[in-house]
Amino acid sequence: MSECNEKVKSVFYTPSEREIYIREHIAEMDHYSIMMEKYESGLEEGLQRGKGEGKEEATINIAKAMLHDGVGIDIIQKYTGIDCKQLEDL
């Protein structure tokens, strides 16, 4: 409601007041755009990081299952890409 009142008042502004009003409005919109861009960028980064962590966890679970079933370390390394030290820690 106050935004609407402000727009109605702007009709009666002098040219210099109107210019100030427009510049402030543009600055607010620019700020909003920048914040949305940063939010979307952060969201995308978080999703990508989460996907990577999920894939890594799945690979470790597969390697554990293969170890449990007696599959050789060299074969597990070949198909999972996990290094020998990590496999020994599992």
Protein backbone atom coordinates (compact mmCIF):
# COMPACT_ATOMS: atom_id res chain seq x y z
CA MET A 1 0.00 0.00 0.00
CA SER A 2 2.77 2.45 0.87
CA GLU A 3 4.46 1.70 -2.47
CA CYS A 4 1.24 2.62 -4.22
CA ASN A 5 0.94 5.85 -2.21
CA GLU A 6 4.54 6.70 -3.07
CA LYS A 7 3.83 6.25 -6.78
CA VAL A 8 0.77 8.48 -6.56
CA LYS A 9 2.81 11.14 -4.77
CA SER A 10 5.48 10.94 -7.48
CA VAL A 11 3.01 12.42 -9.96
CA PHE A 12 3.24 15.71 -8.08
CA TYR A 13 7.05 15.77 -7.79
CA THR A 14 9.05 18.55 -9.35
CA PRO A 15 11.36 17.45 -12.16
CA SER A 16 14.36 17.30 -9.80
CA GLU A 17 12.38 15.35 -7.16
CA ARG A 18 11.15 12.97 -9.86
CA GLU A 19 14.73 12.41 -11.04
CA ILE A 20 15.80 11.58 -7.48
CA TYR A 21 12.83 9.24 -7.10
CA ILE A 22 13.67 7.46 -10.35
CA ARG A 23 17.35 7.12 -9.43
CA GLU A 24 16.45 5.67 -6.02
CA HIS A 25 14.03 3.25 -7.65
CA ILE A 26 16.67 2.14 -10.16
CA ALA A 27 19.20 1.69 -7.35
CA GLU A 28 16.71 -0.49 -5.42
CA MET A 29 16.04 -2.61 -8.49
CA ASP A 30 19.77 -2.98 -9.19
CA HIS A 31 20.35 -4.05 -5.59
CA TYR A 32 17.53 -6.58 -5.84
CA SER A 33 18.93 -7.96 -9.12
CA ILE A 34 22.41 -8.33 -7.64
CA MET A 35 21.05 -10.09 -4.56
CA MET A 36 18.96 -12.49 -6.67
CA GLU A 37 21.96 -13.25 -8.88
CA LYS A 38 24.10 -14.04 -5.82
CA TYR A 39 21.32 -16.18 -4.34
CA GLU A 40 20.91 -18.19 -7.55
CA SER A 41 24.67 -18.58 -7.90
CA GLY A 42 24.97 -19.81 -4.32
CA LEU A 43 22.07 -22.19 -4.79
CA GLU A 44 23.64 -23.67 -7.92
CA GLU A 45 27.02 -24.00 -6.21
CA GLY A 46 25.40 -25.77 -3.26
CA LEU A 47 23.53 -28.17 -5.54
CA GLN A 48 26.70 -29.01 -7.46
CA ARG A 49 28.65 -29.55 -4.24
CA GLY A 50 25.88 -31.78 -2.88
CA LYS A 51 25.80 -33.86 -6.06
CA GLY A 52 29.57 -34.32 -5.90
CA GLU A 53 29.44 -35.40 -2.27
CA GLY A 54 26.59 -37.80 -3.03
CA LYS A 55 28.51 -39.39 -5.90
CA GLU A 56 31.60 -39.75 -3.71
CA GLU A 57 29.56 -41.38 -0.94
CA ALA A 58 27.96 -43.78 -3.42
CA THR A 59 31.37 -44.75 -4.82
CA ILE A 60 32.67 -45.45 -1.31
CA ASN A 61 29.62 -47.60 -0.54
CA ILE A 62 30.16 -49.57 -3.74
CA ALA A 63 33.84 -50.08 -2.89
CA LYS A 64 32.89 -51.27 0.62
CA ALA A 65 30.44 -53.76 -0.83
CA MET A 66 33.03 -55.01 -3.31
CA LEU A 67 35.59 -55.41 -0.51
CA HIS A 68 33.02 -57.27 1.56
CA ASP A 69 32.40 -59.63 -1.38
CA GLY A 70 36.12 -60.32 -1.72
CA VAL A 71 36.79 -58.44 -4.94
CA GLY A 72 40.48 -57.63 -5.43
CA ILE A 73 41.75 -54.14 -4.60
CA ASP A 74 43.15 -53.65 -8.11
CA ILE A 75 39.72 -54.29 -9.66
CA ILE A 76 37.98 -52.01 -7.15
CA GLN A 77 40.51 -49.29 -7.95
CA LYS A 78 39.96 -49.74 -11.66
CA TYR A 79 36.18 -49.35 -11.49
CA THR A 80 35.80 -46.82 -8.67
CA GLY A 81 38.90 -44.69 -9.06
CA ILE A 82 39.53 -44.84 -5.31
CA ASP A 83 43.22 -44.92 -4.46
CA CYS A 84 44.88 -47.77 -2.58
CA LYS A 85 45.27 -45.80 0.68
CA GLN A 86 41.56 -44.98 0.82
CA LEU A 87 40.67 -48.60 0.15
CA GLU A 88 42.90 -49.74 3.00
CA ASP A 89 41.13 -47.29 5.31
CA LEU A 90 37.76 -48.79 4.37
